Amino acid sequence: MGDNLFPEYSEQFLEDADHEKKWLAIIQQRVEELLEKDPGLLFSHLYRLDVEESILQSILKNVSANQLPTAISEEIWKRQKARIMSRKNNPQGWILDSDF
């Protein structure tokens, strides 16, 4: 098994401005859709994505309604980048059937 299971999530990928813009656009489109159609589901996703509640509260309190999707999307992207870097810096071994 290779060392890099997801080569597209390398540091170079995460630091590439073009990739970041594309991902932010995709995330923002989904955030806009969920804000409009099912905000409860959006907040459920944010919880599962481990977006800090204090940061989310700050966004909701200080950001205008028309900028909410952008601010939430940027926070999702930051959190996902942090998770990827954390996994890279703190690798966990694979659990194989023979380990049980």
C-alpha atoms as a PDB file:
ATOM      1  CA  MET A   1       0.000   0.000   0.000  1.00  0.00           C
ATOM      2  CA  GLY A   2       1.398   3.434  -0.917  1.00  0.00           C
ATOM      3  CA  ASP A   3       2.255   6.064   1.635  1.00  0.00           C
ATOM      4  CA  ASN A   4      -0.124   8.601   0.145  1.00  0.00           C
ATOM      5  CA  LEU A   5      -3.606   7.171  -0.136  1.00  0.00           C
ATOM      6  CA  PHE A   6      -4.991  10.467  -1.464  1.00  0.00           C
ATOM      7  CA  PRO A   7      -2.228  12.143  -3.508  1.00  0.00           C
ATOM      8  CA  GLU A   8      -4.615  14.935  -4.538  1.00  0.00           C
ATOM      9  CA  TYR A   9      -4.594  16.085  -0.903  1.00  0.00           C
ATOM     10  CA  SER A  10      -0.877  16.775  -0.799  1.00  0.00           C
ATOM     11  CA  GLU A  11       0.475  20.032   0.645  1.00  0.00           C
ATOM     12  CA  GLN A  12       1.043  21.346  -2.869  1.00  0.00           C
ATOM     13  CA  PHE A  13      -2.601  20.692  -3.697  1.00  0.00           C
ATOM     14  CA  LEU A  14      -3.793  22.398  -0.515  1.00  0.00           C
ATOM     15  CA  GLU A  15      -1.662  25.467  -1.188  1.00  0.00           C
ATOM     16  CA  ASP A  16      -2.667  25.809  -4.856  1.00  0.00           C
ATOM     17  CA  ALA A  17      -4.825  28.944  -5.200  1.00  0.00           C
ATOM     18  CA  ASP A  18      -6.637  27.639  -8.296  1.00  0.00           C
ATOM     19  CA  HIS A  19      -7.651  24.405  -6.570  1.00  0.00           C
ATOM     20  CA  GLU A  20      -8.689  26.349  -3.496  1.00  0.00           C
ATOM     21  CA  LYS A  21     -10.941  28.640  -5.565  1.00  0.00           C
ATOM     22  CA  LYS A  22     -12.554  25.644  -7.264  1.00  0.00           C
ATOM     23  CA  TRP A  23     -13.190  23.844  -3.971  1.00  0.00           C
ATOM     24  CA  LEU A  24     -14.520  26.997  -2.329  1.00  0.00           C
ATOM     25  CA  ALA A  25     -16.936  27.508  -5.235  1.00  0.00           C
ATOM     26  CA  ILE A  26     -18.215  23.926  -4.910  1.00  0.00           C
ATOM     27  CA  ILE A  27     -18.573  24.220  -1.143  1.00  0.00           C
ATOM     28  CA  GLN A  28     -20.250  27.622  -1.395  1.00  0.00           C
ATOM     29  CA  GLN A  29     -22.795  26.346  -3.917  1.00  0.00           C
ATOM     30  CA  ARG A  30     -23.800  23.561  -1.531  1.00  0.00           C
ATOM     31  CA  VAL A  31     -23.875  25.902   1.484  1.00  0.00           C
ATOM     32  CA  GLU A  32     -26.156  28.314  -0.418  1.00  0.00           C
ATOM     33  CA  GLU A  33     -28.460  25.448  -1.360  1.00  0.00           C
ATOM     34  CA  LEU A  34     -28.668  24.145   2.200  1.00  0.00           C
ATOM     35  CA  LEU A  35     -29.126  27.611   3.722  1.00  0.00           C
ATOM     36  CA  GLU A  36     -32.104  28.105   1.430  1.00  0.00           C
ATOM     37  CA  LYS A  37     -33.681  24.641   1.536  1.00  0.00           C
ATOM     38  CA  ASP A  38     -32.566  22.915   4.753  1.00  0.00           C
ATOM     39  CA  PRO A  39     -30.531  24.991   7.232  1.00  0.00           C
ATOM     40  CA  GLY A  40     -30.891  22.265   9.863  1.00  0.00           C
ATOM     41  CA  LEU A  41     -29.056  19.821   7.617  1.00  0.00           C
ATOM     42  CA  LEU A  42     -26.343  22.419   6.984  1.00  0.00           C
ATOM     43  CA  PHE A  43     -25.780  22.862  10.711  1.00  0.00           C
ATOM     44  CA  SER A  44     -25.739  19.089  11.142  1.00  0.00           C
ATOM     45  CA  HIS A  45     -23.020  18.880   8.481  1.00  0.00           C
ATOM     46  CA  LEU A  46     -21.070  21.687  10.156  1.00  0.00           C
ATOM     47  CA  TYR A  47     -21.191  19.774  13.434  1.00  0.00           C
ATOM     48  CA  ARG A  48     -19.960  16.583  11.755  1.00  0.00           C
ATOM     49  CA  LEU A  49     -17.253  18.522   9.932  1.00  0.00           C
ATOM     50  CA  ASP A  50     -16.135  19.732  13.360  1.00  0.00           C
ATOM     51  CA  VAL A  51     -16.486  23.442  12.605  1.00  0.00           C
ATOM     52  CA  GLU A  52     -16.063  25.149  15.966  1.00  0.00           C
ATOM     53  CA  GLU A  53     -19.327  26.405  17.409  1.00  0.00           C
ATOM     54  CA  SER A  54     -17.745  29.648  18.630  1.00  0.00           C
ATOM     55  CA  ILE A  55     -16.466  30.442  15.136  1.00  0.00           C
ATOM     56  CA  LEU A  56     -19.848  29.639  13.628  1.00  0.00           C
ATOM     57  CA  GLN A  57     -21.593  31.852  16.193  1.00  0.00           C
ATOM     58  CA  SER A  58     -19.202  34.678  15.362  1.00  0.00           C
ATOM     59  CA  ILE A  59     -19.939  34.288  11.653  1.00  0.00           C
ATOM     60  CA  LEU A  60     -23.692  34.283  12.243  1.00  0.00           C
ATOM     61  CA  LYS A  61     -23.444  37.325  14.495  1.00  0.00           C
ATOM     62  CA  ASN A  62     -21.012  39.475  12.504  1.00  0.00           C
ATOM     63  CA  VAL A  63     -21.488  38.598   8.839  1.00  0.00           C
ATOM     64  CA  SER A  64     -24.255  40.016   6.668  1.00  0.00           C
ATOM     65  CA  ALA A  65     -26.822  37.567   5.305  1.00  0.00           C
ATOM     66  CA  ASN A  66     -25.598  37.860   1.722  1.00  0.00           C
ATOM     67  CA  GLN A  67     -22.028  37.008   2.836  1.00  0.00           C
ATOM     68  CA  LEU A  68     -22.993  34.020   5.027  1.00  0.00           C
ATOM     69  CA  PRO A  69     -22.433  31.349   2.356  1.00  0.00           C
ATOM     70  CA  THR A  70     -18.960  32.707   1.613  1.00  0.00           C
ATOM     71  CA  ALA A  71     -17.941  32.958   5.268  1.00  0.00           C
ATOM     72  CA  ILE A  72     -19.271  29.488   6.121  1.00  0.00           C
ATOM     73  CA  SER A  73     -17.627  27.985   3.033  1.00  0.00           C
ATOM     74  CA  GLU A  74     -14.274  29.520   3.916  1.00  0.00           C
ATOM     75  CA  GLU A  75     -14.520  28.126   7.437  1.00  0.00           C
ATOM     76  CA  ILE A  76     -15.390  24.648   6.109  1.00  0.00           C
ATOM     77  CA  TRP A  77     -12.400  24.809   3.763  1.00  0.00           C
ATOM     78  CA  LYS A  78     -10.052  25.946   6.567  1.00  0.00           C
ATOM     79  CA  ARG A  79     -11.268  23.118   8.802  1.00  0.00           C
ATOM     80  CA  GLN A  80     -10.833  20.496   6.106  1.00  0.00           C
ATOM     81  CA  LYS A  81      -7.312  21.708   5.345  1.00  0.00           C
ATOM     82  CA  ALA A  82      -6.479  21.535   9.056  1.00  0.00           C
ATOM     83  CA  ARG A  83      -7.863  17.984   9.260  1.00  0.00           C
ATOM     84  CA  ILE A  84      -5.822  16.858   6.273  1.00  0.00           C
ATOM     85  CA  MET A  85      -2.639  18.386   7.673  1.00  0.00           C
ATOM     86  CA  SER A  86      -3.333  16.844  11.082  1.00  0.00           C
ATOM     87  CA  ARG A  87      -3.739  13.408   9.524  1.00  0.00           C
ATOM     88  CA  LYS A  88      -0.559  13.919   7.547  1.00  0.00           C
ATOM     89  CA  ASN A  89       1.407  15.010  10.625  1.00  0.00           C
ATOM     90  CA  ASN A  90      -0.115  12.351  12.908  1.00  0.00           C
ATOM     91  CA  PRO A  91      -0.544   9.237  10.769  1.00  0.00           C
ATOM     92  CA  GLN A  92      -2.538   6.350  12.158  1.00  0.00           C
ATOM     93  CA  GLY A  93      -1.678   2.796  11.278  1.00  0.00           C
ATOM     94  CA  TRP A  94      -4.082   0.716   9.268  1.00  0.00           C
ATOM     95  CA  ILE A  95      -6.167  -1.796  11.200  1.00  0.00           C
ATOM     96  CA  LEU A  96      -5.937  -5.079   9.369  1.00  0.00           C
ATOM     97  CA  ASP A  97      -8.057  -8.157  10.032  1.00  0.00           C
ATOM     98  CA  SER A  98      -4.980  -9.989  11.289  1.00  0.00           C
ATOM     99  CA  ASP A  99      -4.666  -7.368  14.060  1.00  0.00           C
ATOM    100  CA  PHE A 100      -7.890  -8.552  15.688  1.00  0.00           C
END
